[in-house]
């Protein structure tokens, strides 16, 4: 009877942890993608000061979330996002809209990819 209770408790802990991780990743992904959208919007209208501010805000937000993402996911993807976020900042400062938009698309891809990896789906289980 004690083994059964321990197994059920362990299962509840694992499922609860997976649910909390999924909720966390879903909310932070939406926030991060919103930050990228703000940069893109500012670049599209040619507002350099707003794009710089939005890029700084995105990088600050990413740096706060980075440690948790490193804990939960592979470091390669997290490192790519970090490096590309710095590139976005540099391109916004220099006014290189084309490269900034390309890097925004790359960061968007990796953030979406991380969200897909976290989803409860057959392809992620097997």
C-alpha atoms as a PDB file:
ATOM      1  CA  UNK A   1       0.000   0.000   0.000  1.00  0.00           C
ATOM      2  CA  UNK A   2       2.861   2.399   0.835  1.00  0.00           C
ATOM      3  CA  UNK A   3       4.528   1.787  -2.530  1.00  0.00           C
ATOM      4  CA  UNK A   4       1.295   2.562  -4.339  1.00  0.00           C
ATOM      5  CA  UNK A   5       0.873   5.841  -2.466  1.00  0.00           C
ATOM      6  CA  UNK A   6       4.490   6.784  -3.161  1.00  0.00           C
ATOM      7  CA  UNK A   7       4.053   6.034  -6.878  1.00  0.00           C
ATOM      8  CA  UNK A   8       0.852   8.074  -7.071  1.00  0.00           C
ATOM      9  CA  UNK A   9       2.518  10.975  -5.232  1.00  0.00           C
ATOM     10  CA  UNK A  10       5.488  10.813  -7.595  1.00  0.00           C
ATOM     11  CA  UNK A  11       3.198  10.763 -10.628  1.00  0.00           C
ATOM     12  CA  UNK A  12       1.254  13.759  -9.308  1.00  0.00           C
ATOM     13  CA  UNK A  13       4.510  15.658  -8.737  1.00  0.00           C
ATOM     14  CA  UNK A  14       5.801  14.919 -12.238  1.00  0.00           C
ATOM     15  CA  UNK A  15       2.517  15.847 -13.911  1.00  0.00           C
ATOM     16  CA  UNK A  16       2.179  18.972 -11.777  1.00  0.00           C
ATOM     17  CA  UNK A  17       5.720  20.037 -12.640  1.00  0.00           C
ATOM     18  CA  UNK A  18       5.092  19.473 -16.336  1.00  0.00           C
ATOM     19  CA  UNK A  19       1.900  21.527 -16.169  1.00  0.00           C
ATOM     20  CA  UNK A  20       3.612  24.390 -14.332  1.00  0.00           C
ATOM     21  CA  UNK A  21       6.485  24.353 -16.822  1.00  0.00           C
ATOM     22  CA  UNK A  22       4.076  24.446 -19.736  1.00  0.00           C
ATOM     23  CA  UNK A  23       2.143  27.371 -18.250  1.00  0.00           C
ATOM     24  CA  UNK A  24       5.361  29.250 -17.528  1.00  0.00           C
ATOM     25  CA  UNK A  25       6.775  28.731 -21.023  1.00  0.00           C
ATOM     26  CA  UNK A  26       3.453  29.695 -22.619  1.00  0.00           C
ATOM     27  CA  UNK A  27       3.228  32.993 -20.753  1.00  0.00           C
ATOM     28  CA  UNK A  28       6.885  33.980 -21.159  1.00  0.00           C
ATOM     29  CA  UNK A  29       6.847  33.027 -24.838  1.00  0.00           C
ATOM     30  CA  UNK A  30       3.897  35.335 -25.422  1.00  0.00           C
ATOM     31  CA  UNK A  31       5.693  38.169 -23.593  1.00  0.00           C
ATOM     32  CA  UNK A  32       8.924  37.642 -25.516  1.00  0.00           C
ATOM     33  CA  UNK A  33       7.165  37.466 -28.868  1.00  0.00           C
ATOM     34  CA  UNK A  34       5.280  40.647 -27.978  1.00  0.00           C
ATOM     35  CA  UNK A  35       8.620  42.345 -27.358  1.00  0.00           C
ATOM     36  CA  UNK A  36       9.865  41.221 -30.762  1.00  0.00           C
ATOM     37  CA  UNK A  37       6.674  42.530 -32.358  1.00  0.00           C
ATOM     38  CA  UNK A  38       7.268  45.919 -30.718  1.00  0.00           C
ATOM     39  CA  UNK A  39      10.758  46.083 -32.222  1.00  0.00           C
ATOM     40  CA  UNK A  40       9.470  45.043 -35.639  1.00  0.00           C
ATOM     41  CA  UNK A  41       6.675  47.624 -35.559  1.00  0.00           C
ATOM     42  CA  UNK A  42       9.121  50.404 -34.657  1.00  0.00           C
ATOM     43  CA  UNK A  43      11.484  49.323 -37.435  1.00  0.00           C
ATOM     44  CA  UNK A  44       8.661  49.115 -39.970  1.00  0.00           C
ATOM     45  CA  UNK A  45       7.636  52.715 -39.344  1.00  0.00           C
ATOM     46  CA  UNK A  46      11.258  53.912 -39.215  1.00  0.00           C
ATOM     47  CA  UNK A  47      11.200  55.021 -35.583  1.00  0.00           C
ATOM     48  CA  UNK A  48      14.825  54.374 -34.593  1.00  0.00           C
ATOM     49  CA  UNK A  49      14.597  55.601 -30.966  1.00  0.00           C
ATOM     50  CA  UNK A  50      11.530  53.429 -30.360  1.00  0.00           C
ATOM     51  CA  UNK A  51      13.230  50.407 -31.937  1.00  0.00           C
ATOM     52  CA  UNK A  52      16.291  50.902 -29.715  1.00  0.00           C
ATOM     53  CA  UNK A  53      14.115  51.189 -26.622  1.00  0.00           C
ATOM     54  CA  UNK A  54      12.068  48.122 -27.600  1.00  0.00           C
ATOM     55  CA  UNK A  55      15.259  46.133 -28.295  1.00  0.00           C
ATOM     56  CA  UNK A  56      16.681  47.120 -24.900  1.00  0.00           C
ATOM     57  CA  UNK A  57      13.420  46.117 -23.219  1.00  0.00           C
ATOM     58  CA  UNK A  58      13.416  42.769 -25.030  1.00  0.00           C
ATOM     59  CA  UNK A  59      17.025  42.056 -24.043  1.00  0.00           C
ATOM     60  CA  UNK A  60      16.316  42.938 -20.416  1.00  0.00           C
ATOM     61  CA  UNK A  61      13.296  40.640 -20.408  1.00  0.00           C
ATOM     62  CA  UNK A  62      15.254  37.846 -22.103  1.00  0.00           C
ATOM     63  CA  UNK A  63      18.137  38.161 -19.617  1.00  0.00           C
ATOM     64  CA  UNK A  64      15.641  37.713 -16.761  1.00  0.00           C
ATOM     65  CA  UNK A  65      14.137  34.597 -18.343  1.00  0.00           C
ATOM     66  CA  UNK A  66      17.380  33.161 -19.697  1.00  0.00           C
ATOM     67  CA  UNK A  67      18.387  31.309 -16.519  1.00  0.00           C
ATOM     68  CA  UNK A  68      15.095  29.479 -16.309  1.00  0.00           C
ATOM     69  CA  UNK A  69      15.223  28.582 -19.999  1.00  0.00           C
ATOM     70  CA  UNK A  70      18.770  27.247 -19.510  1.00  0.00           C
ATOM     71  CA  UNK A  71      17.479  25.088 -16.689  1.00  0.00           C
ATOM     72  CA  UNK A  72      14.614  23.678 -18.719  1.00  0.00           C
ATOM     73  CA  UNK A  73      16.029  23.428 -22.261  1.00  0.00           C
ATOM     74  CA  UNK A  74      19.192  22.835 -24.274  1.00  0.00           C
ATOM     75  CA  UNK A  75      21.783  25.555 -23.957  1.00  0.00           C
ATOM     76  CA  UNK A  76      22.442  25.770 -27.707  1.00  0.00           C
ATOM     77  CA  UNK A  77      19.063  27.300 -28.473  1.00  0.00           C
ATOM     78  CA  UNK A  78      19.223  29.613 -25.475  1.00  0.00           C
ATOM     79  CA  UNK A  79      22.703  30.775 -26.472  1.00  0.00           C
ATOM     80  CA  UNK A  80      21.569  31.442 -30.034  1.00  0.00           C
ATOM     81  CA  UNK A  81      18.656  33.537 -28.772  1.00  0.00           C
ATOM     82  CA  UNK A  82      21.000  35.493 -26.473  1.00  0.00           C
ATOM     83  CA  UNK A  83      23.534  36.220 -29.198  1.00  0.00           C
ATOM     84  CA  UNK A  84      20.897  37.148 -31.754  1.00  0.00           C
ATOM     85  CA  UNK A  85      19.115  39.432 -29.275  1.00  0.00           C
ATOM     86  CA  UNK A  86      22.378  41.360 -28.855  1.00  0.00           C
ATOM     87  CA  UNK A  87      22.666  41.575 -32.644  1.00  0.00           C
ATOM     88  CA  UNK A  88      19.162  43.001 -32.848  1.00  0.00           C
ATOM     89  CA  UNK A  89      20.158  45.688 -30.370  1.00  0.00           C
ATOM     90  CA  UNK A  90      23.253  46.557 -32.407  1.00  0.00           C
ATOM     91  CA  UNK A  91      21.351  46.657 -35.681  1.00  0.00           C
ATOM     92  CA  UNK A  92      18.706  48.940 -34.187  1.00  0.00           C
ATOM     93  CA  UNK A  93      21.381  51.338 -32.942  1.00  0.00           C
ATOM     94  CA  UNK A  94      23.147  51.370 -36.317  1.00  0.00           C
ATOM     95  CA  UNK A  95      19.863  51.706 -38.224  1.00  0.00           C
ATOM     96  CA  UNK A  96      20.334  48.458 -40.172  1.00  0.00           C
ATOM     97  CA  UNK A  97      16.668  47.572 -40.514  1.00  0.00           C
ATOM     98  CA  UNK A  98      17.087  44.627 -42.888  1.00  0.00           C
ATOM     99  CA  UNK A  99      19.487  42.730 -40.642  1.00  0.00           C
ATOM    100  CA  UNK A 100      17.477  43.573 -37.523  1.00  0.00           C
ATOM    101  CA  UNK A 101      14.302  42.195 -39.121  1.00  0.00           C
ATOM    102  CA  UNK A 102      16.145  39.040 -40.192  1.00  0.00           C
ATOM    103  CA  UNK A 103      17.418  38.487 -36.667  1.00  0.00           C
ATOM    104  CA  UNK A 104      13.959  39.133 -35.232  1.00  0.00           C
ATOM    105  CA  UNK A 105      12.646  36.363 -37.484  1.00  0.00           C
ATOM    106  CA  UNK A 106      15.432  34.042 -36.285  1.00  0.00           C
ATOM    107  CA  UNK A 107      14.751  34.725 -32.598  1.00  0.00           C
ATOM    108  CA  UNK A 108      11.020  34.287 -33.204  1.00  0.00           C
ATOM    109  CA  UNK A 109      11.745  30.876 -34.781  1.00  0.00           C
ATOM    110  CA  UNK A 110      13.827  29.674 -31.811  1.00  0.00           C
ATOM    111  CA  UNK A 111      11.342  30.911 -29.223  1.00  0.00           C
ATOM    112  CA  UNK A 112       8.484  29.218 -31.090  1.00  0.00           C
ATOM    113  CA  UNK A 113      10.625  26.083 -31.410  1.00  0.00           C
ATOM    114  CA  UNK A 114      11.186  25.981 -27.656  1.00  0.00           C
ATOM    115  CA  UNK A 115       7.443  26.320 -27.101  1.00  0.00           C
ATOM    116  CA  UNK A 116       6.844  23.412 -29.498  1.00  0.00           C
ATOM    117  CA  UNK A 117       9.398  21.288 -27.637  1.00  0.00           C
ATOM    118  CA  UNK A 118       7.537  21.948 -24.399  1.00  0.00           C
ATOM    119  CA  UNK A 119       4.095  21.023 -25.727  1.00  0.00           C
ATOM    120  CA  UNK A 120       2.499  17.778 -24.717  1.00  0.00           C
ATOM    121  CA  UNK A 121       2.377  15.992 -28.065  1.00  0.00           C
ATOM    122  CA  UNK A 122       3.068  12.485 -29.325  1.00  0.00           C
ATOM    123  CA  UNK A 123       6.112  13.629 -31.286  1.00  0.00           C
ATOM    124  CA  UNK A 124       7.648  15.024 -28.089  1.00  0.00           C
ATOM    125  CA  UNK A 125       6.970  11.868 -26.099  1.00  0.00           C
ATOM    126  CA  UNK A 126       8.266   9.273 -28.548  1.00  0.00           C
END
